[in-house]
Amino acid sequence: MKISIEENSVTTDELKTKLEEKFPNYEFTKRNKKMLVAKKTKSAGVNIIVHKKRIMVAGNFPTMGGQMIFSLSLVLLGILIPLIVYFAAFRPSQKEAEDEIGGYIKELTAP
């Protein structure tokens, strides 16, 4: 989900504190100066990337280990089987978290 903002109007530190207040059931960590990771469960999370003029919100695995295991399963088992498992088991909870956090960020940044 792409959210347009005014240039340099949001910082990751500011966004992290607002999100922590709104969503106490999530665990927020900074991966680098432009990226936040919101962890809802071990397999459902959201990557939040802050650019100059937009914020990208994408449902994903919240840990690097989870992302690497999924990538390795794609390589070792082929593409079809892991994608079917991903869309059946993991994607619905990730999409729910993405919609929840993305909707709140849209409210925050609305003019």
PDB file of N, CA and C in Angstrom:
ATOM      1  N   MET A   1       0.849  -1.161   0.000  1.00  0.00           N
ATOM      2  CA  MET A   1       0.000   0.000   0.000  1.00  0.00           C
ATOM      3  C   MET A   1       0.903   1.235   0.000  1.00  0.00           C
ATOM      4  N   LYS A   2       0.681   2.132  -0.936  1.00  0.00           N
ATOM      5  CA  LYS A   2       1.431   3.384  -1.014  1.00  0.00           C
ATOM      6  C   LYS A   2       0.597   4.507  -0.424  1.00  0.00           C
ATOM      7  N   ILE A   3       1.223   5.295   0.438  1.00  0.00           N
ATOM      8  CA  ILE A   3       0.546   6.431   1.048  1.00  0.00           C
ATOM      9  C   ILE A   3       1.359   7.677   0.736  1.00  0.00           C
ATOM     10  N   SER A   4       0.779   8.619   0.019  1.00  0.00           N
ATOM     11  CA  SER A   4       1.472   9.854  -0.335  1.00  0.00           C
ATOM     12  C   SER A   4       1.477  10.809   0.858  1.00  0.00           C
ATOM     13  N   ILE A   5       2.629  11.476   1.055  1.00  0.00           N
ATOM     14  CA  ILE A   5       2.769  12.446   2.140  1.00  0.00           C
ATOM     15  C   ILE A   5       3.477  13.671   1.595  1.00  0.00           C
ATOM     16  N   GLU A   6       3.492  14.742   2.381  1.00  0.00           N
ATOM     17  CA  GLU A   6       4.273  15.906   2.002  1.00  0.00           C
ATOM     18  C   GLU A   6       5.748  15.581   2.204  1.00  0.00           C
ATOM     19  N   GLU A   7       6.586  16.223   1.430  1.00  0.00           N
ATOM     20  CA  GLU A   7       8.008  15.898   1.447  1.00  0.00           C
ATOM     21  C   GLU A   7       8.612  16.093   2.838  1.00  0.00           C
ATOM     22  N   ASN A   8       9.274  15.051   3.329  1.00  0.00           N
ATOM     23  CA  ASN A   8       9.968  15.024   4.617  1.00  0.00           C
ATOM     24  C   ASN A   8       9.076  15.433   5.799  1.00  0.00           C
ATOM     25  N   SER A   9       7.800  15.074   5.764  1.00  0.00           N
ATOM     26  CA  SER A   9       6.897  15.452   6.849  1.00  0.00           C
ATOM     27  C   SER A   9       6.805  14.395   7.946  1.00  0.00           C
ATOM     28  N   VAL A  10       7.301  13.190   7.681  1.00  0.00           N
ATOM     29  CA  VAL A  10       7.217  12.098   8.653  1.00  0.00           C
ATOM     30  C   VAL A  10       8.597  11.467   8.833  1.00  0.00           C
ATOM     31  N   THR A  11       8.967  11.215  10.091  1.00  0.00           N
ATOM     32  CA  THR A  11      10.206  10.480  10.373  1.00  0.00           C
ATOM     33  C   THR A  11       9.843   9.125  10.971  1.00  0.00           C
ATOM     34  N   THR A  12      10.756   8.182  10.904  1.00  0.00           N
ATOM     35  CA  THR A  12      10.473   6.854  11.416  1.00  0.00           C
ATOM     36  C   THR A  12      10.312   6.857  12.934  1.00  0.00           C
ATOM     37  N   ASP A  13      11.099   7.684  13.638  1.00  0.00           N
ATOM     38  CA  ASP A  13      10.986   7.737  15.100  1.00  0.00           C
ATOM     39  C   ASP A  13       9.615   8.265  15.528  1.00  0.00           C
ATOM     40  N   GLU A  14       9.181   9.317  14.874  1.00  0.00           N
ATOM     41  CA  GLU A  14       7.871   9.910  15.159  1.00  0.00           C
ATOM     42  C   GLU A  14       6.743   8.920  14.849  1.00  0.00           C
ATOM     43  N   LEU A  15       6.852   8.254  13.720  1.00  0.00           N
ATOM     44  CA  LEU A  15       5.853   7.275  13.308  1.00  0.00           C
ATOM     45  C   LEU A  15       5.829   6.088  14.273  1.00  0.00           C
ATOM     46  N   LYS A  16       6.995   5.655  14.720  1.00  0.00           N
ATOM     47  CA  LYS A  16       7.081   4.519  15.642  1.00  0.00           C
ATOM     48  C   LYS A  16       6.371   4.827  16.963  1.00  0.00           C
ATOM     49  N   THR A  17       6.573   6.013  17.512  1.00  0.00           N
ATOM     50  CA  THR A  17       5.931   6.342  18.785  1.00  0.00           C
ATOM     51  C   THR A  17       4.411   6.419  18.641  1.00  0.00           C
ATOM     52  N   LYS A  18       3.924   6.994  17.538  1.00  0.00           N
ATOM     53  CA  LYS A  18       2.477   7.074  17.317  1.00  0.00           C
ATOM     54  C   LYS A  18       1.857   5.692  17.124  1.00  0.00           C
ATOM     55  N   LEU A  19       2.565   4.822  16.396  1.00  0.00           N
ATOM     56  CA  LEU A  19       2.050   3.478  16.172  1.00  0.00           C
ATOM     57  C   LEU A  19       2.067   2.648  17.461  1.00  0.00           C
ATOM     58  N   GLU A  20       3.092   2.826  18.285  1.00  0.00           N
ATOM     59  CA  GLU A  20       3.161   2.098  19.560  1.00  0.00           C
ATOM     60  C   GLU A  20       2.020   2.497  20.493  1.00  0.00           C
ATOM     61  N   GLU A  21       1.633   3.772  20.459  1.00  0.00           N
ATOM     62  CA  GLU A  21       0.501   4.230  21.270  1.00  0.00           C
ATOM     63  C   GLU A  21      -0.808   3.629  20.778  1.00  0.00           C
ATOM     64  N   LYS A  22      -0.989   3.572  19.476  1.00  0.00           N
ATOM     65  CA  LYS A  22      -2.248   3.101  18.891  1.00  0.00           C
ATOM     66  C   LYS A  22      -2.374   1.571  18.935  1.00  0.00           C
ATOM     67  N   PHE A  23      -1.276   0.863  18.709  1.00  0.00           N
ATOM     68  CA  PHE A  23      -1.302  -0.597  18.610  1.00  0.00           C
ATOM     69  C   PHE A  23      -0.404  -1.231  19.679  1.00  0.00           C
ATOM     70  N   PRO A  24      -0.905  -1.391  20.896  1.00  0.00           N
ATOM     71  CA  PRO A  24      -0.073  -1.986  21.951  1.00  0.00           C
ATOM     72  C   PRO A  24       0.169  -3.487  21.766  1.00  0.00           C
ATOM     73  N   ASN A  25      -0.640  -4.153  20.938  1.00  0.00           N
ATOM     74  CA  ASN A  25      -0.459  -5.591  20.721  1.00  0.00           C
ATOM     75  C   ASN A  25       0.587  -5.902  19.642  1.00  0.00           C
ATOM     76  N   TYR A  26       1.154  -4.896  19.013  1.00  0.00           N
ATOM     77  CA  TYR A  26       2.206  -5.070  18.021  1.00  0.00           C
ATOM     78  C   TYR A  26       3.558  -4.763  18.664  1.00  0.00           C
ATOM     79  N   GLU A  27       4.601  -5.363  18.116  1.00  0.00           N
ATOM     80  CA  GLU A  27       5.963  -5.067  18.552  1.00  0.00           C
ATOM     81  C   GLU A  27       6.652  -4.337  17.389  1.00  0.00           C
ATOM     82  N   PHE A  28       7.120  -3.111  17.627  1.00  0.00           N
ATOM     83  CA  PHE A  28       7.727  -2.295  16.573  1.00  0.00           C
ATOM     84  C   PHE A  28       9.238  -2.230  16.769  1.00  0.00           C
ATOM     85  N   THR A  29       9.972  -2.466  15.681  1.00  0.00           N
ATOM     86  CA  THR A  29      11.431  -2.348  15.710  1.00  0.00           C
ATOM     87  C   THR A  29      11.885  -1.608  14.463  1.00  0.00           C
ATOM     88  N   LYS A  30      13.005  -0.900  14.597  1.00  0.00           N
ATOM     89  CA  LYS A  30      13.604  -0.222  13.444  1.00  0.00           C
ATOM     90  C   LYS A  30      14.623  -1.153  12.828  1.00  0.00           C
ATOM     91  N   ARG A  31      14.490  -1.402  11.546  1.00  0.00           N
ATOM     92  CA  ARG A  31      15.484  -2.229  10.856  1.00  0.00           C
ATOM     93  C   ARG A  31      16.633  -1.363  10.348  1.00  0.00           C
ATOM     94  N   ASN A  32      16.321  -0.181   9.878  1.00  0.00           N
ATOM     95  CA  ASN A  32      17.331   0.830   9.536  1.00  0.00           C
ATOM     96  C   ASN A  32      16.657   2.194   9.646  1.00  0.00           C
ATOM     97  N   LYS A  33      17.316   3.272   9.186  1.00  0.00           N
ATOM     98  CA  LYS A  33      16.768   4.609   9.421  1.00  0.00           C
ATOM     99  C   LYS A  33      15.494   4.904   8.639  1.00  0.00           C
ATOM    100  N   LYS A  34      15.179   4.121   7.602  1.00  0.00           N
ATOM    101  CA  LYS A  34      13.973   4.355   6.815  1.00  0.00           C
ATOM    102  C   LYS A  34      12.931   3.251   6.952  1.00  0.00           C
ATOM    103  N   MET A  35      13.222   2.198   7.732  1.00  0.00           N
ATOM    104  CA  MET A  35      12.336   1.043   7.744  1.00  0.00           C
ATOM    105  C   MET A  35      11.948   0.628   9.161  1.00  0.00           C
ATOM    106  N   LEU A  36      10.639   0.460   9.365  1.00  0.00           N
ATOM    107  CA  LEU A  36      10.085  -0.074  10.610  1.00  0.00           C
ATOM    108  C   LEU A  36       9.478  -1.440  10.317  1.00  0.00           C
ATOM    109  N   VAL A  37       9.532  -2.318  11.313  1.00  0.00           N
ATOM    110  CA  VAL A  37       8.887  -3.612  11.195  1.00  0.00           C
ATOM    111  C   VAL A  37       7.903  -3.746  12.343  1.00  0.00           C
ATOM    112  N   ALA A  38       6.650  -4.016  12.013  1.00  0.00           N
ATOM    113  CA  ALA A  38       5.604  -4.232  13.010  1.00  0.00           C
ATOM    114  C   ALA A  38       5.318  -5.724  13.064  1.00  0.00           C
ATOM    115  N   LYS A  39       5.466  -6.309  14.246  1.00  0.00           N
ATOM    116  CA  LYS A  39       5.283  -7.747  14.414  1.00  0.00           C
ATOM    117  C   LYS A  39       4.018  -8.005  15.217  1.00  0.00           C
ATOM    118  N   LYS A  40       3.052  -8.684  14.588  1.00  0.00           N
ATOM    119  CA  LYS A  40       1.811  -9.043  15.270  1.00  0.00           C
ATOM    120  C   LYS A  40       1.930 -10.449  15.855  1.00  0.00           C
ATOM    121  N   THR A  41       2.336 -11.398  15.031  1.00  0.00           N
ATOM    122  CA  THR A  41       2.611 -12.764  15.459  1.00  0.00           C
ATOM    123  C   THR A  41       3.935 -13.193  14.842  1.00  0.00           C
ATOM    124  N   LYS A  42       4.304 -14.444  15.029  1.00  0.00           N
ATOM    125  CA  LYS A  42       5.569 -14.921  14.460  1.00  0.00           C
ATOM    126  C   LYS A  42       5.544 -14.972  12.933  1.00  0.00           C
ATOM    127  N   SER A  43       4.356 -15.071  12.357  1.00  0.00           N
ATOM    128  CA  SER A  43       4.271 -15.177  10.899  1.00  0.00           C
ATOM    129  C   SER A  43       3.539 -14.011  10.246  1.00  0.00           C
ATOM    130  N   ALA A  44       3.033 -13.072  11.027  1.00  0.00           N
ATOM    131  CA  ALA A  44       2.301 -11.941  10.459  1.00  0.00           C
ATOM    132  C   ALA A  44       2.921 -10.643  10.938  1.00  0.00           C
ATOM    133  N   GLY A  45       3.311  -9.832   9.987  1.00  0.00           N
ATOM    134  CA  GLY A  45       3.897  -8.549  10.307  1.00  0.00           C
ATOM    135  C   GLY A  45       3.780  -7.606   9.130  1.00  0.00           C
ATOM    136  N   VAL A  46       4.309  -6.402   9.335  1.00  0.00           N
ATOM    137  CA  VAL A  46       4.229  -5.373   8.305  1.00  0.00           C
ATOM    138  C   VAL A  46       5.576  -4.663   8.217  1.00  0.00           C
ATOM    139  N   ASN A  47       6.038  -4.468   7.005  1.00  0.00           N
ATOM    140  CA  ASN A  47       7.210  -3.626   6.767  1.00  0.00           C
ATOM    141  C   ASN A  47       6.710  -2.238   6.397  1.00  0.00           C
ATOM    142  N   ILE A  48       7.243  -1.212   7.075  1.00  0.00           N
ATOM    143  CA  ILE A  48       6.855   0.170   6.823  1.00  0.00           C
ATOM    144  C   ILE A  48       8.109   0.912   6.386  1.00  0.00           C
ATOM    145  N   ILE A  49       8.119   1.377   5.148  1.00  0.00           N
ATOM    146  CA  ILE A  49       9.290   2.066   4.596  1.00  0.00           C
ATOM    147  C   ILE A  49       8.907   3.515   4.349  1.00  0.00           C
ATOM    148  N   VAL A  50       9.663   4.431   4.956  1.00  0.00           N
ATOM    149  CA  VAL A  50       9.379   5.865   4.848  1.00  0.00           C
ATOM    150  C   VAL A  50      10.325   6.471   3.818  1.00  0.00           C
ATOM    151  N   HIS A  51       9.751   6.973   2.721  1.00  0.00           N
ATOM    152  CA  HIS A  51      10.501   7.706   1.705  1.00  0.00           C
ATOM    153  C   HIS A  51      10.216   9.190   1.878  1.00  0.00           C
ATOM    154  N   LYS A  52      10.797  10.021   1.017  1.00  0.00           N
ATOM    155  CA  LYS A  52      10.573  11.470   1.125  1.00  0.00           C
ATOM    156  C   LYS A  52       9.118  11.854   0.898  1.00  0.00           C
ATOM    157  N   LYS A  53       8.494  11.302  -0.164  1.00  0.00           N
ATOM    158  CA  LYS A  53       7.146  11.714  -0.540  1.00  0.00           C
ATOM    159  C   LYS A  53       6.094  10.629  -0.371  1.00  0.00           C
ATOM    160  N   ARG A  54       6.478   9.461   0.173  1.00  0.00           N
ATOM    161  CA  ARG A  54       5.487   8.398   0.348  1.00  0.00           C
ATOM    162  C   ARG A  54       5.929   7.433   1.450  1.00  0.00           C
ATOM    163  N   ILE A  55       4.954   6.697   1.937  1.00  0.00           N
ATOM    164  CA  ILE A  55       5.197   5.636   2.903  1.00  0.00           C
ATOM    165  C   ILE A  55       4.678   4.350   2.279  1.00  0.00           C
ATOM    166  N   MET A  56       5.510   3.330   2.273  1.00  0.00           N
ATOM    167  CA  MET A  56       5.123   2.021   1.744  1.00  0.00           C
ATOM    168  C   MET A  56       4.806   1.104   2.920  1.00  0.00           C
ATOM    169  N   VAL A  57       3.643   0.477   2.890  1.00  0.00           N
ATOM    170  CA  VAL A  57       3.224  -0.468   3.925  1.00  0.00           C
ATOM    171  C   VAL A  57       2.979  -1.804   3.228  1.00  0.00           C
ATOM    172  N   ALA A  58       3.733  -2.836   3.638  1.00  0.00           N
ATOM    173  CA  ALA A  58       3.623  -4.135   2.982  1.00  0.00           C
ATOM    174  C   ALA A  58       3.592  -5.252   4.014  1.00  0.00           C
ATOM    175  N   GLY A  59       2.582  -6.101   3.930  1.00  0.00           N
ATOM    176  CA  GLY A  59       2.505  -7.270   4.795  1.00  0.00           C
ATOM    177  C   GLY A  59       3.615  -8.237   4.430  1.00  0.00           C
ATOM    178  N   ASN A  60       4.257  -8.801   5.451  1.00  0.00           N
ATOM    179  CA  ASN A  60       5.406  -9.658   5.211  1.00  0.00           C
ATOM    180  C   ASN A  60       5.683 -10.468   6.459  1.00  0.00           C
ATOM    181  N   PHE A  61       6.659 -11.360   6.373  1.00  0.00           N
ATOM    182  CA  PHE A  61       7.131 -12.049   7.564  1.00  0.00           C
ATOM    183  C   PHE A  61       7.918 -11.046   8.394  1.00  0.00           C
ATOM    184  N   PRO A  62       7.704 -10.980   9.710  1.00  0.00           N
ATOM    185  CA  PRO A  62       8.326  -9.930  10.513  1.00  0.00           C
ATOM    186  C   PRO A  62       9.802 -10.148  10.850  1.00  0.00           C
ATOM    187  N   THR A  63      10.312 -11.353  10.637  1.00  0.00           N
ATOM    188  CA  THR A  63      11.718 -11.610  10.962  1.00  0.00           C
ATOM    189  C   THR A  63      12.492 -11.979   9.701  1.00  0.00           C
ATOM    190  N   MET A  64      13.783 -11.729   9.755  1.00  0.00           N
ATOM    191  CA  MET A  64      14.634 -12.106   8.630  1.00  0.00           C
ATOM    192  C   MET A  64      14.680 -13.624   8.478  1.00  0.00           C
ATOM    193  N   GLY A  65      14.627 -14.344   9.589  1.00  0.00           N
ATOM    194  CA  GLY A  65      14.620 -15.805   9.544  1.00  0.00           C
ATOM    195  C   GLY A  65      13.406 -16.342   8.809  1.00  0.00           C
ATOM    196  N   GLY A  66      12.240 -15.780   9.094  1.00  0.00           N
ATOM    197  CA  GLY A  66      11.023 -16.197   8.407  1.00  0.00           C
ATOM    198  C   GLY A  66      11.082 -15.928   6.912  1.00  0.00           C
ATOM    199  N   GLN A  67      11.644 -14.779   6.552  1.00  0.00           N
ATOM    200  CA  GLN A  67      11.774 -14.444   5.132  1.00  0.00           C
ATOM    201  C   GLN A  67      12.755 -15.389   4.434  1.00  0.00           C
ATOM    202  N   MET A  68      13.842 -15.731   5.124  1.00  0.00           N
ATOM    203  CA  MET A  68      14.824 -16.635   4.513  1.00  0.00           C
ATOM    204  C   MET A  68      14.272 -18.057   4.379  1.00  0.00           C
ATOM    205  N   ILE A  69      13.529 -18.530   5.377  1.00  0.00           N
ATOM    206  CA  ILE A  69      12.931 -19.865   5.283  1.00  0.00           C
ATOM    207  C   ILE A  69      11.948 -19.921   4.119  1.00  0.00           C
ATOM    208  N   PHE A  70      11.135 -18.873   3.955  1.00  0.00           N
ATOM    209  CA  PHE A  70      10.199 -18.847   2.831  1.00  0.00           C
ATOM    210  C   PHE A  70      10.958 -18.831   1.499  1.00  0.00           C
ATOM    211  N   SER A  71      12.004 -18.026   1.401  1.00  0.00           N
ATOM    212  CA  SER A  71      12.791 -17.967   0.162  1.00  0.00           C
ATOM    213  C   SER A  71      13.449 -19.309  -0.141  1.00  0.00           C
ATOM    214  N   LEU A  72      14.005 -19.945   0.873  1.00  0.00           N
ATOM    215  CA  LEU A  72      14.621 -21.262   0.659  1.00  0.00           C
ATOM    216  C   LEU A  72      13.587 -22.303   0.249  1.00  0.00           C
ATOM    217  N   SER A  73      12.397 -22.238   0.828  1.00  0.00           N
ATOM    218  CA  SER A  73      11.364 -23.195   0.432  1.00  0.00           C
ATOM    219  C   SER A  73      10.964 -22.991  -1.026  1.00  0.00           C
ATOM    220  N   LEU A  74      10.963 -21.738  -1.486  1.00  0.00           N
ATOM    221  CA  LEU A  74      10.679 -21.480  -2.904  1.00  0.00           C
ATOM    222  C   LEU A  74      11.727 -22.124  -3.803  1.00  0.00           C
ATOM    223  N   VAL A  75      12.986 -22.035  -3.388  1.00  0.00           N
ATOM    224  CA  VAL A  75      14.073 -22.590  -4.200  1.00  0.00           C
ATOM    225  C   VAL A  75      14.074 -24.114  -4.135  1.00  0.00           C
ATOM    226  N   LEU A  76      13.918 -24.664  -2.940  1.00  0.00           N
ATOM    227  CA  LEU A  76      14.047 -26.109  -2.779  1.00  0.00           C
ATOM    228  C   LEU A  76      12.816 -26.893  -3.222  1.00  0.00           C
ATOM    229  N   LEU A  77      11.630 -26.351  -3.017  1.00  0.00           N
ATOM    230  CA  LEU A  77      10.404 -27.085  -3.337  1.00  0.00           C
ATOM    231  C   LEU A  77       9.758 -26.650  -4.645  1.00  0.00           C
ATOM    232  N   GLY A  78      10.331 -25.671  -5.308  1.00  0.00           N
ATOM    233  CA  GLY A  78       9.710 -25.141  -6.511  1.00  0.00           C
ATOM    234  C   GLY A  78       8.813 -23.979  -6.123  1.00  0.00           C
ATOM    235  N   ILE A  79       8.204 -23.377  -7.081  1.00  0.00           N
ATOM    236  CA  ILE A  79       7.443 -22.164  -6.809  1.00  0.00           C
ATOM    237  C   ILE A  79       6.004 -22.459  -6.406  1.00  0.00           C
ATOM    238  N   LEU A  80       5.383 -23.410  -7.019  1.00  0.00           N
ATOM    239  CA  LEU A  80       3.944 -23.615  -6.875  1.00  0.00           C
ATOM    240  C   LEU A  80       3.525 -24.026  -5.459  1.00  0.00           C
ATOM    241  N   ILE A  81       4.133 -25.039  -4.898  1.00  0.00           N
ATOM    242  CA  ILE A  81       3.721 -25.552  -3.590  1.00  0.00           C
ATOM    243  C   ILE A  81       3.895 -24.503  -2.492  1.00  0.00           C
ATOM    244  N   PRO A  82       5.069 -23.852  -2.360  1.00  0.00           N
ATOM    245  CA  PRO A  82       5.200 -22.832  -1.315  1.00  0.00           C
ATOM    246  C   PRO A  82       4.246 -21.648  -1.498  1.00  0.00           C
ATOM    247  N   LEU A  83       3.965 -21.254  -2.734  1.00  0.00           N
ATOM    248  CA  LEU A  83       3.025 -20.148  -2.952  1.00  0.00           C
ATOM    249  C   LEU A  83       1.605 -20.517  -2.548  1.00  0.00           C
ATOM    250  N   ILE A  84       1.200 -21.754  -2.807  1.00  0.00           N
ATOM    251  CA  ILE A  84      -0.129 -22.200  -2.385  1.00  0.00           C
ATOM    252  C   ILE A  84      -0.226 -22.180  -0.868  1.00  0.00           C
ATOM    253  N   VAL A  85       0.798 -22.680  -0.200  1.00  0.00           N
ATOM    254  CA  VAL A  85       0.818 -22.675   1.268  1.00  0.00           C
ATOM    255  C   VAL A  85       0.830 -21.248   1.791  1.00  0.00           C
ATOM    256  N   TYR A  86       1.626 -20.380   1.172  1.00  0.00           N
ATOM    257  CA  TYR A  86       1.712 -18.987   1.604  1.00  0.00           C
ATOM    258  C   TYR A  86       0.357 -18.289   1.498  1.00  0.00           C
ATOM    259  N   PHE A  87      -0.287 -18.394   0.345  1.00  0.00           N
ATOM    260  CA  PHE A  87      -1.566 -17.704   0.151  1.00  0.00           C
ATOM    261  C   PHE A  87      -2.691 -18.311   0.981  1.00  0.00           C
ATOM    262  N   ALA A  88      -2.597 -19.589   1.316  1.00  0.00           N
ATOM    263  CA  ALA A  88      -3.638 -20.222   2.133  1.00  0.00           C
ATOM    264  C   ALA A  88      -3.432 -19.981   3.625  1.00  0.00           C
ATOM    265  N   ALA A  89      -2.189 -20.015   4.075  1.00  0.00           N
ATOM    266  CA  ALA A  89      -1.933 -19.983   5.520  1.00  0.00           C
ATOM    267  C   ALA A  89      -1.458 -18.639   6.048  1.00  0.00           C
ATOM    268  N   PHE A  90      -0.578 -17.952   5.331  1.00  0.00           N
ATOM    269  CA  PHE A  90       0.081 -16.771   5.884  1.00  0.00           C
ATOM    270  C   PHE A  90      -0.467 -15.446   5.368  1.00  0.00           C
ATOM    271  N   ARG A  91      -0.822 -15.358   4.124  1.00  0.00           N
ATOM    272  CA  ARG A  91      -1.206 -14.083   3.518  1.00  0.00           C
ATOM    273  C   ARG A  91      -2.441 -13.426   4.145  1.00  0.00           C
ATOM    274  N   PRO A  92      -3.483 -14.163   4.534  1.00  0.00           N
ATOM    275  CA  PRO A  92      -4.651 -13.486   5.127  1.00  0.00           C
ATOM    276  C   PRO A  92      -4.319 -12.702   6.397  1.00  0.00           C
ATOM    277  N   SER A  93      -3.510 -13.269   7.277  1.00  0.00           N
ATOM    278  CA  SER A  93      -3.166 -12.552   8.513  1.00  0.00           C
ATOM    279  C   SER A  93      -2.230 -11.378   8.226  1.00  0.00           C
ATOM    280  N   GLN A  94      -1.352 -11.527   7.242  1.00  0.00           N
ATOM    281  CA  GLN A  94      -0.465 -10.426   6.873  1.00  0.00           C
ATOM    282  C   GLN A  94      -1.253  -9.290   6.236  1.00  0.00           C
ATOM    283  N   LYS A  95      -2.223  -9.613   5.405  1.00  0.00           N
ATOM    284  CA  LYS A  95      -3.055  -8.594   4.757  1.00  0.00           C
ATOM    285  C   LYS A  95      -3.897  -7.850   5.793  1.00  0.00           C
ATOM    286  N   GLU A  96      -4.397  -8.561   6.791  1.00  0.00           N
ATOM    287  CA  GLU A  96      -5.174  -7.934   7.854  1.00  0.00           C
ATOM    288  C   GLU A  96      -4.319  -6.925   8.627  1.00  0.00           C
ATOM    289  N   ALA A  97      -3.094  -7.309   8.953  1.00  0.00           N
ATOM    290  CA  ALA A  97      -2.184  -6.404   9.660  1.00  0.00           C
ATOM    291  C   ALA A  97      -1.832  -5.206   8.781  1.00  0.00           C
ATOM    292  N   GLU A  98      -1.611  -5.442   7.492  1.00  0.00           N
ATOM    293  CA  GLU A  98      -1.290  -4.361   6.557  1.00  0.00           C
ATOM    294  C   GLU A  98      -2.434  -3.358   6.464  1.00  0.00           C
ATOM    295  N   ASP A  99      -3.664  -3.849   6.359  1.00  0.00           N
ATOM    296  CA  ASP A  99      -4.826  -2.959   6.271  1.00  0.00           C
ATOM    297  C   ASP A  99      -5.019  -2.163   7.555  1.00  0.00           C
ATOM    298  N   GLU A 100      -4.786  -2.812   8.683  1.00  0.00           N
ATOM    299  CA  GLU A 100      -4.958  -2.161   9.987  1.00  0.00           C
ATOM    300  C   GLU A 100      -3.966  -1.005  10.164  1.00  0.00           C
ATOM    301  N   ILE A 101      -2.698  -1.286   9.933  1.00  0.00           N
ATOM    302  CA  ILE A 101      -1.668  -0.263  10.127  1.00  0.00           C
ATOM    303  C   ILE A 101      -1.702   0.767   8.995  1.00  0.00           C
ATOM    304  N   GLY A 102      -1.903   0.319   7.756  1.00  0.00           N
ATOM    305  CA  GLY A 102      -1.978   1.237   6.631  1.00  0.00           C
ATOM    306  C   GLY A 102      -3.137   2.226   6.758  1.00  0.00           C
ATOM    307  N   GLY A 103      -4.273   1.759   7.243  1.00  0.00           N
ATOM    308  CA  GLY A 103      -5.421   2.633   7.440  1.00  0.00           C
ATOM    309  C   GLY A 103      -5.139   3.705   8.485  1.00  0.00           C
ATOM    310  N   TYR A 104      -4.465   3.316   9.556  1.00  0.00           N
ATOM    311  CA  TYR A 104      -4.133   4.298  10.598  1.00  0.00           C
ATOM    312  C   TYR A 104      -3.114   5.323  10.086  1.00  0.00           C
ATOM    313  N   ILE A 105      -2.133   4.881   9.324  1.00  0.00           N
ATOM    314  CA  ILE A 105      -1.133   5.819   8.779  1.00  0.00           C
ATOM    315  C   ILE A 105      -1.800   6.776   7.798  1.00  0.00           C
ATOM    316  N   LYS A 106      -2.776   6.296   7.015  1.00  0.00           N
ATOM    317  CA  LYS A 106      -3.523   7.190   6.115  1.00  0.00           C
ATOM    318  C   LYS A 106      -4.261   8.267   6.899  1.00  0.00           C
ATOM    319  N   GLU A 107      -4.862   7.875   8.035  1.00  0.00           N
ATOM    320  CA  GLU A 107      -5.541   8.854   8.889  1.00  0.00           C
ATOM    321  C   GLU A 107      -4.565   9.885   9.428  1.00  0.00           C
ATOM    322  N   LEU A 108      -3.377   9.437   9.829  1.00  0.00           N
ATOM    323  CA  LEU A 108      -2.375  10.331  10.393  1.00  0.00           C
ATOM    324  C   LEU A 108      -1.877  11.361   9.383  1.00  0.00           C
ATOM    325  N   THR A 109      -1.680  10.905   8.156  1.00  0.00           N
ATOM    326  CA  THR A 109      -1.056  11.759   7.144  1.00  0.00           C
ATOM    327  C   THR A 109      -2.054  12.482   6.264  1.00  0.00           C
ATOM    328  N   ALA A 110      -3.335  12.276   6.512  1.00  0.00           N
ATOM    329  CA  ALA A 110      -4.352  12.957   5.689  1.00  0.00           C
ATOM    330  C   ALA A 110      -4.279  14.467   5.916  1.00  0.00           C
ATOM    331  N   PRO A 111      -4.370  15.248   4.824  1.00  0.00           N
ATOM    332  CA  PRO A 111      -4.275  16.704   4.971  1.00  0.00           C
ATOM    333  C   PRO A 111      -5.488  17.328   5.645  1.00  0.00           C
TER     334      PRO A 111
END
